[in-house]
Amino acid sequence: MANNASSAVHMLLVSRQPSALACLWTLSQANVWKLDSTNSGLHALEVMRSGVTLNLVLLDLEPGDADGLRTLRWLRQVRPEVPVVLLCPREDRGQMMEAVRLGALDYVIKPCHTQQLERVLKRHLNGKAQCDELAPPGDEIEAIGDEMFFVAGSLVMRRLRARAELVAQINVPVLILGESGSGKEIVARLIHKLSIRSGSQFLKVNCGALPRELLESELFGYECGGSTAIPRTDGGKFELCDGGTILLNEITEMPSALQSQLLHILQDGRFFRVGGKAAIPLDIRVLAATNMDLEQALFEKKLREDLYYRLSAFTVHVPPLRQRKEEIRLLLGHFMDRMSKHYGLPARMFSANVLETCRQYSWPGNLRELENFVKRYLVMGDESLALSELGPGSNLFGQNSVTSENDSRHDGVVPANSLKSLVRNAKGETERNAIASALEQTHWNRKAASRLLRISYRALLYKIQQYQMTPPEAYLSQFANRPRSEGQRTEQLIEWQQEPSGNWKLRRSTT
């Protein structure tokens, strides 16, 4: 194993030919990064299990490298918090697809170009030495067309962009999940922009805005004619979008019969117009989005299971604004700049009070609510009035709060309109604590925990994902270090398996 001088940033390279990656070693020296290398996946696992602090792992893949993919799976199981970046050949798309499934966060095509490699590495290095370099000024806001912008002012959004770029290279359906107003359409447009279809059409269809008959003809088009009618053919959105990308927004609002037709299109690559008899070939990428709880949608039959499995080969979760509050200041400035130009009004400054209130507010309407707030503030010019339009708790820091300071600080009286949010927060905290207690009692045996909680196994999986719960290191090491016989220690490292959704699954190896 080779290494450079000690540094705040520590990377591990897993490659059979580390000396061939000269640009990587040059970059590590220029940036004073500590770079260790190993040519063995098992050795890399031992390093990861030793508890050494690592900021990033680079995994060098060769065409058809099954051992490399197996190493990736183990690395993600043992240390899921450490980002893995692939160095992979351009021609092996199948390998790249499997790597995304297994949790790779980004990639660099070989042969590596120094500037591209440096940009990707700095995107994911989250050590103290790089926290200010992760998103240089000017790179945080990216125009994606139709006056839409992708804002990546936080680590979670920069990693989301990296995953979108990786998924964009693979021509398969993508399911985009997120709360209303969180930016699902923006992510869909970003995937289209970064794909080879970027020169073709991008169309969006809101599946909940039309009744079934109109939605069917909107998507598939129709043919009519006969002895008493003038023959007429109108193409639908699928036909108009041939060669491009279509976003089916609120896919859970699509009637079941149309979901079945969509499934056949994804399987066969052809469709029929309404009233038509000839099959029409179709080359299109389908992106689907929903703000609905998938567990609930499947249980209520609002989303067919067969369609779900076809769409969810790759799933992208868009985090709500409350989970990326470090972006709020940037977003406020961005929206103010855009709207002041749009309405021809002078841009207004945000006081410290407004900035702090916006940072503390939960933003249940996400980006859409924040944009509307900026619009009101720009037009009205009164910050206290604009803040009063927000939901409960928005004026806790305002000097001109609608609720007086004496009421909130001395009497201890909670405003009636905030009761719902208080109950919701208390319920969520109680639910999470109950799940954590059951998982701890059952040593993270999720089936046993679901029986203890008297809920379905799938419901428990969803709740674990919702609350972003992962097995404590104690459980991971406990099962990883329990060999059943001599020579089986390495196999035990893969007992905990992390699924693409982020859930953990315990498997016991018998070999």
Protein backbone atom coordinates (compact mmCIF):
# COMPACT_ATOMS: atom_id res chain seq x y z
CA MET A 1 0.00 0.00 0.00
CA ALA A 2 1.27 3.46 -0.95
CA ASN A 3 0.34 6.78 0.52
CA ASN A 4 1.15 10.47 0.43
CA ALA A 5 1.72 12.90 3.26
CA SER A 6 -0.88 13.27 5.92
CA SER A 7 -3.81 15.49 5.00
CA ALA A 8 -7.32 16.40 6.11
CA VAL A 9 -8.64 14.51 3.07
CA HIS A 10 -8.11 10.76 2.91
CA MET A 11 -9.00 8.67 -0.15
CA LEU A 12 -8.68 4.98 -0.97
CA LEU A 13 -8.04 3.74 -4.50
CA VAL A 14 -9.00 0.14 -5.32
CA SER A 15 -7.33 -0.77 -8.62
CA ARG A 16 -5.43 -3.67 -10.13
CA GLN A 17 -3.15 -1.15 -11.86
CA PRO A 18 -2.92 1.94 -9.61
CA SER A 19 0.27 3.11 -11.31
CA ALA A 20 -1.66 3.54 -14.58
CA LEU A 21 -3.76 6.35 -13.05
CA ALA A 22 -1.01 8.96 -13.15
CA CYS A 23 -3.42 11.93 -13.20
CA LEU A 24 -4.96 10.80 -9.91
CA TRP A 25 -1.62 10.68 -8.14
CA THR A 26 -0.74 14.08 -9.59
CA LEU A 27 -4.01 15.55 -8.32
CA SER A 28 -3.53 14.10 -4.84
CA GLN A 29 -0.09 15.66 -4.58
CA ALA A 30 -1.22 19.04 -5.91
CA ASN A 31 -4.15 19.20 -3.46
CA VAL A 32 -2.23 17.66 -0.53
CA TRP A 33 -4.67 14.75 -0.36
CA LYS A 34 -3.72 11.51 1.31
CA LEU A 35 -4.19 8.73 -1.22
CA ASP A 36 -3.88 5.07 -0.29
CA SER A 37 -4.15 2.30 -2.86
CA THR A 38 -4.77 -1.43 -2.87
CA ASN A 39 -5.24 -3.99 -5.64
CA SER A 40 -7.44 -6.27 -3.54
CA GLY A 41 -11.14 -5.87 -2.79
CA LEU A 42 -10.74 -7.93 0.39
CA HIS A 43 -7.92 -5.70 1.55
CA ALA A 44 -10.12 -2.65 0.89
CA LEU A 45 -12.82 -4.19 3.09
CA GLU A 46 -10.34 -4.72 5.91
CA VAL A 47 -9.32 -1.07 5.65
CA MET A 48 -12.96 0.01 5.77
CA ARG A 49 -13.72 -2.23 8.73
CA SER A 50 -10.69 -0.98 10.64
CA GLY A 51 -12.53 2.28 11.29
CA VAL A 52 -9.98 4.50 9.53
CA THR A 53 -11.43 7.87 8.50
CA LEU A 54 -12.07 7.92 4.76
CA ASN A 55 -13.59 10.74 2.75
CA LEU A 56 -13.96 8.84 -0.52
CA VAL A 57 -13.28 5.52 -2.25
CA LEU A 58 -12.27 5.29 -5.92
CA LEU A 59 -13.08 1.92 -7.47
CA ASP A 60 -11.39 1.10 -10.78
CA LEU A 61 -13.55 -1.22 -12.88
CA GLU A 62 -12.53 -3.21 -15.92
CA PRO A 63 -15.02 -4.40 -18.61
CA GLY A 64 -17.08 -7.29 -17.25
CA ASP A 65 -15.44 -6.95 -13.82
CA ALA A 66 -17.75 -9.01 -11.59
CA ASP A 67 -15.23 -8.90 -8.73
CA GLY A 68 -15.26 -5.10 -8.85
CA LEU A 69 -19.05 -4.97 -8.58
CA ARG A 70 -18.93 -7.45 -5.71
CA THR A 71 -16.40 -5.21 -3.97
CA LEU A 72 -18.70 -2.21 -4.51
CA ARG A 73 -21.58 -4.09 -2.89
CA TRP A 74 -19.45 -4.96 0.16
CA LEU A 75 -18.07 -1.45 0.50
CA ARG A 76 -21.58 0.01 0.55
CA GLN A 77 -22.65 -2.50 3.17
CA VAL A 78 -19.75 -2.00 5.55
CA ARG A 79 -19.42 1.81 5.29
CA PRO A 80 -22.53 3.24 3.57
CA GLU A 81 -21.63 6.79 4.59
CA VAL A 82 -18.43 6.82 2.49
CA PRO A 83 -19.09 7.87 -1.14
CA VAL A 84 -17.82 5.55 -3.88
CA VAL A 85 -16.74 6.99 -7.24
CA LEU A 86 -16.21 4.65 -10.20
CA LEU A 87 -13.47 4.74 -12.78
CA CYS A 88 -15.10 2.80 -15.59
CA PRO A 89 -14.89 2.17 -19.36
CA ARG A 90 -17.36 4.06 -21.53
CA GLU A 91 -18.54 1.09 -23.54
CA ASP A 92 -19.85 -1.07 -20.68
CA ARG A 93 -23.31 0.44 -20.03
CA GLY A 94 -24.60 -2.73 -18.38
CA GLN A 95 -21.84 -2.58 -15.82
CA MET A 96 -22.58 1.08 -15.14
CA MET A 97 -26.28 0.29 -14.65
CA GLU A 98 -25.50 -2.40 -12.08
CA ALA A 99 -23.08 -0.07 -10.30
CA VAL A 100 -25.82 2.56 -9.90
CA ARG A 101 -28.12 -0.09 -8.46
CA LEU A 102 -25.45 -1.01 -5.92
CA GLY A 103 -25.05 2.56 -4.70
CA ALA A 104 -22.22 4.22 -6.64
CA LEU A 105 -22.60 7.98 -6.37
CA ASP A 106 -20.58 9.14 -9.36
CA TYR A 107 -18.24 8.00 -12.12
CA VAL A 108 -15.36 9.09 -14.33
CA ILE A 109 -14.89 7.60 -17.79
CA LYS A 110 -11.42 6.20 -18.53
CA PRO A 111 -9.03 7.39 -19.75
CA CYS A 112 -9.38 10.07 -17.08
CA HIS A 113 -8.98 13.75 -17.85
CA THR A 114 -7.44 15.71 -15.00
CA GLN A 115 -9.98 18.54 -14.88
CA GLN A 116 -12.99 16.23 -14.99
CA LEU A 117 -11.51 13.96 -12.33
CA GLU A 118 -10.73 16.90 -10.05
CA ARG A 119 -14.26 18.30 -10.44
CA VAL A 120 -15.87 14.97 -9.55
CA LEU A 121 -13.60 14.38 -6.56
CA LYS A 122 -14.18 17.85 -5.10
CA ARG A 123 -17.93 17.35 -5.56
CA HIS A 124 -17.90 14.51 -3.05
CA LEU A 125 -15.02 15.20 -0.68
CA ASN A 126 -16.68 16.42 2.49
CA GLY A 127 -13.65 16.81 4.73
CA LYS A 128 -12.88 20.13 6.38
CA ALA A 129 -10.24 20.97 3.83
CA GLN A 130 -12.76 20.77 1.01
CA CYS A 131 -16.02 21.98 2.51
CA ASP A 132 -15.61 25.41 0.91
CA GLU A 133 -14.59 23.96 -2.45
CA LEU A 134 -17.46 21.58 -2.97
CA ALA A 135 -19.44 24.18 -4.87
CA PRO A 136 -17.44 27.17 -6.07
CA PRO A 137 -19.44 30.40 -6.54
CA GLY A 138 -21.27 30.35 -9.85
CA ASP A 139 -21.51 26.56 -10.02
CA GLU A 140 -24.37 26.28 -7.51
CA ILE A 141 -27.11 27.45 -9.90
CA GLU A 142 -27.47 25.61 -13.20
CA ALA A 143 -29.90 26.64 -15.95
CA ILE A 144 -31.78 23.65 -17.37
CA GLY A 145 -34.16 25.36 -19.80
CA ASP A 146 -37.66 26.86 -19.80
CA GLU A 147 -36.51 29.38 -17.17
CA MET A 148 -35.86 26.57 -14.71
CA PHE A 149 -32.74 26.19 -12.60
CA PHE A 150 -31.21 23.41 -10.56
CA VAL A 151 -29.79 24.80 -7.31
CA ALA A 152 -27.11 22.75 -5.54
CA GLY A 153 -26.08 24.78 -2.52
CA SER A 154 -25.90 21.81 -0.17
CA LEU A 155 -23.97 18.55 -0.10
CA VAL A 156 -27.15 16.46 -0.45
CA MET A 157 -28.17 18.33 -3.61
CA ARG A 158 -24.69 18.14 -5.13
CA ARG A 159 -24.80 14.39 -4.61
CA LEU A 160 -28.29 14.30 -6.07
CA ARG A 161 -26.98 16.04 -9.18
CA ALA A 162 -24.14 13.53 -9.44
CA ARG A 163 -26.61 10.65 -9.24
CA ALA A 164 -28.84 12.31 -11.84
CA GLU A 165 -25.84 12.64 -14.15
CA LEU A 166 -25.01 8.97 -13.66
CA VAL A 167 -28.60 7.82 -14.24
CA ALA A 168 -28.92 10.09 -17.29
CA GLN A 169 -26.35 8.00 -19.17
CA ILE A 170 -28.46 4.84 -18.85
CA ASN A 171 -31.55 4.68 -21.05
CA VAL A 172 -34.02 3.22 -18.54
CA PRO A 173 -37.12 4.55 -16.74
CA VAL A 174 -36.58 6.55 -13.54
CA LEU A 175 -38.99 7.03 -10.64
CA ILE A 176 -38.64 10.42 -8.95
CA LEU A 177 -40.02 10.71 -5.42
CA GLY A 178 -40.44 13.79 -3.30
CA GLU A 179 -42.89 16.06 -1.53
CA SER A 180 -45.04 18.50 -3.46
CA GLY A 181 -43.01 21.52 -4.54
CA SER A 182 -39.64 19.94 -3.75
CA GLY A 183 -38.40 20.10 -7.36
CA LYS A 184 -39.22 16.74 -8.99
CA GLU A 185 -39.83 18.30 -12.41
CA ILE A 186 -36.52 20.17 -12.15
CA VAL A 187 -34.70 16.88 -11.49
CA ALA A 188 -36.51 15.28 -14.45
CA ARG A 189 -35.43 18.13 -16.73
CA LEU A 190 -31.88 17.85 -15.40
CA ILE A 191 -31.79 14.12 -16.26
CA HIS A 192 -33.03 14.94 -19.76
CA LYS A 193 -30.47 17.71 -20.20
CA LEU A 194 -27.59 15.44 -19.16
CA SER A 195 -28.69 12.53 -21.37
CA ILE A 196 -28.02 11.83 -25.05
CA ARG A 197 -31.67 12.78 -25.68
CA SER A 198 -31.07 16.39 -24.66
CA GLY A 199 -31.39 17.57 -28.28
CA SER A 200 -34.89 16.07 -28.54
CA GLN A 201 -38.23 16.97 -27.03
CA PHE A 202 -39.04 17.02 -23.32
CA LEU A 203 -42.74 16.92 -22.44
CA LYS A 204 -44.60 16.79 -19.15
CA VAL A 205 -48.04 15.28 -18.58
CA ASN A 206 -49.95 15.78 -15.33
CA CYS A 207 -51.78 12.48 -14.92
CA GLY A 208 -54.16 13.88 -12.30
CA ALA A 209 -55.37 16.85 -14.34
CA LEU A 210 -57.48 14.96 -16.92
CA PRO A 211 -60.19 12.26 -16.78
CA ARG A 212 -59.29 8.85 -18.15
CA GLU A 213 -60.67 9.27 -21.70
CA LEU A 214 -58.95 12.62 -22.25
CA LEU A 215 -55.71 11.44 -20.66
CA GLU A 216 -55.67 8.37 -22.94
CA SER A 217 -56.02 10.44 -26.12
CA GLU A 218 -53.58 13.03 -24.74
CA LEU A 219 -50.93 10.35 -24.32
CA PHE A 220 -51.60 8.01 -27.25
CA GLY A 221 -53.40 10.21 -29.77
CA TYR A 222 -56.41 8.97 -31.71
CA GLU A 223 -57.72 7.96 -35.11
CA CYS A 224 -61.27 8.41 -36.34
CA GLY A 225 -62.98 7.93 -39.67
CA GLY A 226 -65.53 5.84 -41.54
CA SER A 227 -68.17 6.19 -44.22
CA THR A 228 -69.89 9.16 -42.56
CA ALA A 229 -66.91 10.84 -40.91
CA ILE A 230 -63.91 12.68 -42.20
CA PRO A 231 -60.80 10.61 -41.43
CA ARG A 232 -58.64 12.32 -38.84
CA THR A 233 -55.49 11.43 -36.97
CA ASP A 234 -54.01 13.33 -34.05
CA GLY A 235 -50.73 12.31 -32.47
CA GLY A 236 -50.46 12.15 -28.69
CA LYS A 237 -47.67 13.20 -26.36
CA PHE A 238 -45.84 9.88 -26.77
CA GLU A 239 -45.72 10.32 -30.53
CA LEU A 240 -44.67 13.98 -30.28
CA CYS A 241 -41.94 13.03 -27.83
CA ASP A 242 -40.49 10.18 -29.91
CA GLY A 243 -36.71 10.19 -29.44
CA GLY A 244 -36.97 12.38 -26.37
CA THR A 245 -38.09 12.24 -22.74
CA ILE A 246 -41.56 12.34 -21.20
CA LEU A 247 -42.35 13.05 -17.54
CA LEU A 248 -45.51 11.44 -16.20
CA ASN A 249 -46.18 13.60 -13.18
CA GLU A 250 -48.32 12.18 -10.36
CA ILE A 251 -48.20 8.70 -11.85
CA THR A 252 -50.37 7.38 -9.00
CA GLU A 253 -53.29 9.43 -10.40
CA MET A 254 -53.17 7.53 -13.70
CA PRO A 255 -56.10 5.06 -14.02
CA SER A 256 -55.14 1.40 -13.67
CA ALA A 257 -56.11 0.56 -17.27
CA LEU A 258 -53.75 3.24 -18.61
CA GLN A 259 -51.03 2.04 -16.26
CA SER A 260 -51.39 -1.38 -17.89
CA GLN A 261 -50.99 0.19 -21.35
CA LEU A 262 -47.95 2.10 -20.15
CA LEU A 263 -46.43 -1.14 -18.90
CA HIS A 264 -46.80 -2.70 -22.34
CA ILE A 265 -45.17 0.34 -23.96
CA LEU A 266 -42.19 0.02 -21.63
CA GLN A 267 -41.94 -3.70 -22.41
CA ASP A 268 -42.61 -3.72 -26.18
CA GLY A 269 -41.52 -0.26 -27.32
CA ARG A 270 -44.70 0.34 -29.33
CA PHE A 271 -48.24 1.58 -28.80
CA PHE A 272 -51.66 1.99 -30.48
CA ARG A 273 -53.53 5.23 -30.97
CA VAL A 274 -57.06 5.34 -29.59
CA GLY A 275 -59.20 3.80 -32.33
CA GLY A 276 -56.13 2.74 -34.30
CA LYS A 277 -55.22 -0.74 -35.44
CA ALA A 278 -51.57 -0.37 -36.41
CA ALA A 279 -48.80 -0.61 -33.81
CA ILE A 280 -46.52 2.41 -33.80
CA PRO A 281 -42.86 1.91 -32.78
CA LEU A 282 -41.68 4.25 -30.06
CA ASP A 283 -38.24 5.32 -28.85
CA ILE A 284 -38.83 7.30 -25.69
CA ARG A 285 -37.50 7.60 -22.16
CA VAL A 286 -40.15 7.60 -19.44
CA LEU A 287 -39.66 9.44 -16.18
CA ALA A 288 -42.39 9.15 -13.56
CA ALA A 289 -42.88 11.27 -10.46
CA THR A 290 -45.13 11.20 -7.42
CA ASN A 291 -45.42 12.87 -4.03
CA MET A 292 -47.45 9.98 -2.64
CA ASP A 293 -46.22 7.45 -0.12
CA LEU A 294 -45.37 4.41 -2.26
CA GLU A 295 -46.40 1.96 0.43
CA GLN A 296 -49.82 3.58 0.59
CA ALA A 297 -50.10 3.83 -3.21
CA LEU A 298 -49.39 0.13 -3.67
CA PHE A 299 -51.70 -0.85 -0.81
CA GLU A 300 -54.56 1.27 -2.20
CA LYS A 301 -53.92 -0.04 -5.75
CA LYS A 302 -53.21 3.46 -7.03
CA LEU A 303 -49.99 2.16 -8.51
CA ARG A 304 -49.80 -1.28 -10.11
CA GLU A 305 -47.06 -3.40 -8.62
CA ASP A 306 -45.85 -4.62 -12.02
CA LEU A 307 -45.57 -1.03 -13.25
CA TYR A 308 -43.83 0.01 -10.04
CA TYR A 309 -41.14 -2.65 -10.49
CA ARG A 310 -40.68 -1.59 -14.11
CA LEU A 311 -40.36 2.12 -13.23
CA SER A 312 -38.29 1.79 -10.09
CA ALA A 313 -35.18 0.24 -11.63
CA PHE A 314 -33.67 3.59 -10.65
CA THR A 315 -35.26 5.74 -7.96
CA VAL A 316 -34.27 9.32 -7.19
CA HIS A 317 -35.40 10.89 -3.90
CA VAL A 318 -35.64 14.69 -3.89
CA PRO A 319 -35.17 15.89 -0.30
CA PRO A 320 -37.60 18.48 1.10
CA LEU A 321 -36.36 22.01 1.71
CA ARG A 322 -36.30 21.52 5.48
CA GLN A 323 -33.51 18.96 4.98
CA ARG A 324 -31.32 21.39 3.02
CA LYS A 325 -31.80 24.65 4.88
CA GLU A 326 -28.26 25.77 4.06
CA GLU A 327 -29.64 26.53 0.58
CA ILE A 328 -32.32 28.96 1.77
CA ARG A 329 -30.15 32.08 1.64
CA LEU A 330 -29.00 31.17 -1.88
CA LEU A 331 -32.56 30.40 -3.00
CA LEU A 332 -33.92 33.66 -1.59
CA GLY A 333 -31.36 35.63 -3.57
CA HIS A 334 -31.94 33.56 -6.70
CA PHE A 335 -35.75 33.97 -6.64
CA MET A 336 -35.48 37.69 -5.83
CA ASP A 337 -33.12 38.28 -8.75
CA ARG A 338 -35.36 36.39 -11.20
CA MET A 339 -38.63 37.96 -10.09
CA SER A 340 -37.34 41.52 -9.88
CA LYS A 341 -36.31 41.23 -13.55
CA HIS A 342 -39.58 39.54 -14.50
CA TYR A 343 -41.81 42.18 -12.86
CA GLY A 344 -39.54 45.14 -13.57
CA LEU A 345 -39.22 46.00 -9.87
CA PRO A 346 -36.07 46.85 -7.91
CA ALA A 347 -34.75 43.87 -5.95
CA ARG A 348 -35.25 44.07 -2.17
CA MET A 349 -32.72 43.12 0.46
CA PHE A 350 -33.48 40.49 3.14
CA SER A 351 -32.97 41.59 6.72
CA ALA A 352 -31.27 39.38 9.31
CA ASN A 353 -34.71 38.81 10.87
CA VAL A 354 -36.16 37.53 7.59
CA LEU A 355 -33.16 35.30 6.92
CA GLU A 356 -33.30 33.76 10.41
CA THR A 357 -37.07 33.28 10.24
CA CYS A 358 -36.78 31.60 6.84
CA ARG A 359 -34.02 29.36 8.17
CA GLN A 360 -36.14 28.25 11.14
CA TYR A 361 -39.38 27.78 9.20
CA SER A 362 -40.17 24.22 8.06
CA TRP A 363 -41.42 25.14 4.54
CA PRO A 364 -44.09 22.44 4.10
CA GLY A 365 -44.69 23.76 0.56
CA ASN A 366 -40.96 23.51 -0.21
CA LEU A 367 -39.54 25.50 -3.15
CA ARG A 368 -42.98 26.55 -4.37
CA GLU A 369 -43.83 28.10 -1.01
CA LEU A 370 -40.45 29.83 -0.79
CA GLU A 371 -40.86 31.26 -4.29
CA ASN A 372 -44.33 32.60 -3.42
CA PHE A 373 -42.94 34.17 -0.25
CA VAL A 374 -40.28 36.03 -2.24
CA LYS A 375 -42.92 37.17 -4.73
CA ARG A 376 -45.12 38.59 -1.94
CA TYR A 377 -42.19 40.32 -0.30
CA LEU A 378 -41.08 41.85 -3.61
CA VAL A 379 -44.55 43.20 -4.41
CA MET A 380 -45.69 44.28 -0.92
CA GLY A 381 -42.33 45.49 0.41
CA ASP A 382 -43.40 44.74 4.00
CA GLU A 383 -41.42 41.88 5.52
CA SER A 384 -43.70 41.40 8.54
CA LEU A 385 -46.75 41.19 6.25
CA ALA A 386 -44.97 38.73 3.97
CA LEU A 387 -43.93 36.60 6.95
CA SER A 388 -47.47 36.61 8.33
CA GLU A 389 -48.62 34.85 5.14
CA LEU A 390 -46.53 31.82 6.00
CA GLY A 391 -47.79 28.90 8.05
CA PRO A 392 -47.78 28.45 11.84
CA GLY A 393 -44.56 29.38 13.61
CA SER A 394 -43.23 31.58 10.81
CA ASN A 395 -43.15 34.73 12.95
CA LEU A 396 -41.33 33.34 15.98
CA PHE A 397 -38.38 35.60 15.23
CA GLY A 398 -40.27 38.60 13.84
CA GLN A 399 -40.25 41.87 15.72
CA ASN A 400 -43.75 42.67 14.43
CA SER A 401 -45.17 39.22 14.95
CA VAL A 402 -48.91 38.75 14.67
CA THR A 403 -48.73 36.82 17.94
CA SER A 404 -47.33 39.05 20.65
CA GLU A 405 -44.03 38.28 22.31
CA ASN A 406 -45.69 38.28 25.74
CA ASP A 407 -48.13 35.57 24.64
CA SER A 408 -45.40 33.36 23.23
CA ARG A 409 -42.66 33.87 25.81
CA HIS A 410 -44.34 34.45 29.15
CA ASP A 411 -47.80 32.92 29.13
CA GLY A 412 -46.64 29.74 27.42
CA VAL A 413 -49.78 29.73 25.28
CA VAL A 414 -49.42 27.92 21.95
CA PRO A 415 -51.40 29.62 19.14
CA ALA A 416 -54.40 27.51 18.12
CA ASN A 417 -53.38 27.45 14.46
CA SER A 418 -50.12 25.66 15.35
CA LEU A 419 -51.78 22.78 17.19
CA LYS A 420 -51.89 20.58 14.10
CA SER A 421 -48.17 20.95 13.42
CA LEU A 422 -47.33 20.26 17.07
CA VAL A 423 -49.41 17.08 17.06
CA ARG A 424 -47.85 15.97 13.76
CA ASN A 425 -44.32 16.51 15.03
CA ALA A 426 -45.04 14.72 18.32
CA LYS A 427 -46.59 11.79 16.44
CA GLY A 428 -43.58 11.48 14.16
CA GLU A 429 -41.12 11.55 17.04
CA THR A 430 -43.12 8.95 19.00
CA GLU A 431 -43.38 6.69 15.94
CA ARG A 432 -39.65 6.90 15.22
CA ASN A 433 -38.78 6.13 18.85
CA ALA A 434 -41.09 3.10 18.86
CA ILE A 435 -39.53 1.74 15.67
CA ALA A 436 -36.00 2.33 16.97
CA SER A 437 -36.86 0.52 20.22
CA ALA A 438 -38.34 -2.48 18.35
CA LEU A 439 -35.31 -2.72 16.05
CA GLU A 440 -32.96 -2.57 19.01
CA GLN A 441 -34.89 -5.30 20.86
CA THR A 442 -34.78 -7.57 17.81
CA HIS A 443 -31.15 -6.76 16.96
CA TRP A 444 -32.32 -5.18 13.68
CA ASN A 445 -34.27 -8.24 12.57
CA ARG A 446 -36.89 -6.29 10.66
CA LYS A 447 -39.40 -9.12 10.28
CA ALA A 448 -39.34 -9.71 14.02
CA ALA A 449 -39.63 -5.97 14.60
CA SER A 450 -42.67 -5.72 12.32
CA ARG A 451 -44.37 -8.49 14.30
CA LEU A 452 -43.51 -6.73 17.54
CA LEU A 453 -44.96 -3.45 16.23
CA ARG A 454 -47.97 -5.26 14.68
CA ILE A 455 -47.49 -3.66 11.28
CA SER A 456 -46.72 -5.18 7.89
CA TYR A 457 -43.13 -5.86 6.92
CA ARG A 458 -43.38 -3.52 3.93
CA ALA A 459 -44.81 -0.75 6.10
CA LEU A 460 -41.83 -1.08 8.43
CA LEU A 461 -39.41 -0.90 5.48
CA TYR A 462 -41.04 2.32 4.35
CA LYS A 463 -40.89 3.85 7.83
CA ILE A 464 -37.18 2.94 8.17
CA GLN A 465 -36.55 4.69 4.87
CA GLN A 466 -38.77 7.66 5.80
CA TYR A 467 -36.89 8.30 9.05
CA GLN A 468 -33.51 7.52 7.40
CA MET A 469 -32.65 4.85 9.97
CA THR A 470 -29.56 2.66 9.52
CA PRO A 471 -28.16 -0.17 11.67
CA PRO A 472 -25.75 1.09 14.34
CA GLU A 473 -22.10 0.21 13.79
CA ALA A 474 -22.30 -2.15 16.76
CA TYR A 475 -24.76 -4.42 14.92
CA LEU A 476 -22.81 -4.26 11.68
CA SER A 477 -19.56 -5.27 13.37
CA GLN A 478 -21.33 -7.86 15.53
CA PHE A 479 -22.59 -9.81 12.53
CA ALA A 480 -19.54 -9.11 10.39
CA ASN A 481 -17.26 -10.70 13.00
CA ARG A 482 -19.24 -13.86 13.70
CA PRO A 483 -17.71 -16.61 11.50
CA ARG A 484 -19.25 -20.05 11.78
CA SER A 485 -16.07 -21.87 10.93
CA GLU A 486 -12.42 -21.21 10.14
CA GLY A 487 -11.90 -19.30 6.90
CA GLN A 488 -15.39 -17.82 6.74
CA ARG A 489 -14.64 -14.37 8.22
CA THR A 490 -14.57 -12.68 4.81
CA GLU A 491 -17.96 -14.11 3.80
CA GLN A 492 -19.53 -12.78 6.98
CA LEU A 493 -18.77 -9.26 5.87
CA ILE A 494 -21.73 -9.37 3.51
CA GLU A 495 -24.39 -10.43 5.99
CA TRP A 496 -25.84 -6.89 6.08
CA GLN A 497 -26.96 -5.92 2.58
CA GLN A 498 -28.21 -2.46 1.64
CA GLU A 499 -30.88 -2.32 -1.04
CA PRO A 500 -31.03 0.46 -3.71
CA SER A 501 -33.81 2.15 -1.69
CA GLY A 502 -31.41 2.52 1.26
CA ASN A 503 -32.99 -0.24 3.38
CA TRP A 504 -30.79 -2.81 5.11
CA LYS A 505 -31.28 -6.55 4.73
CA LEU A 506 -29.60 -9.20 6.87
CA ARG A 507 -28.41 -12.28 4.95
CA ARG A 508 -26.44 -15.11 6.46
CA SER A 509 -23.95 -16.74 4.12
CA THR A 510 -23.60 -20.53 4.21
CA THR A 511 -20.43 -20.73 2.10
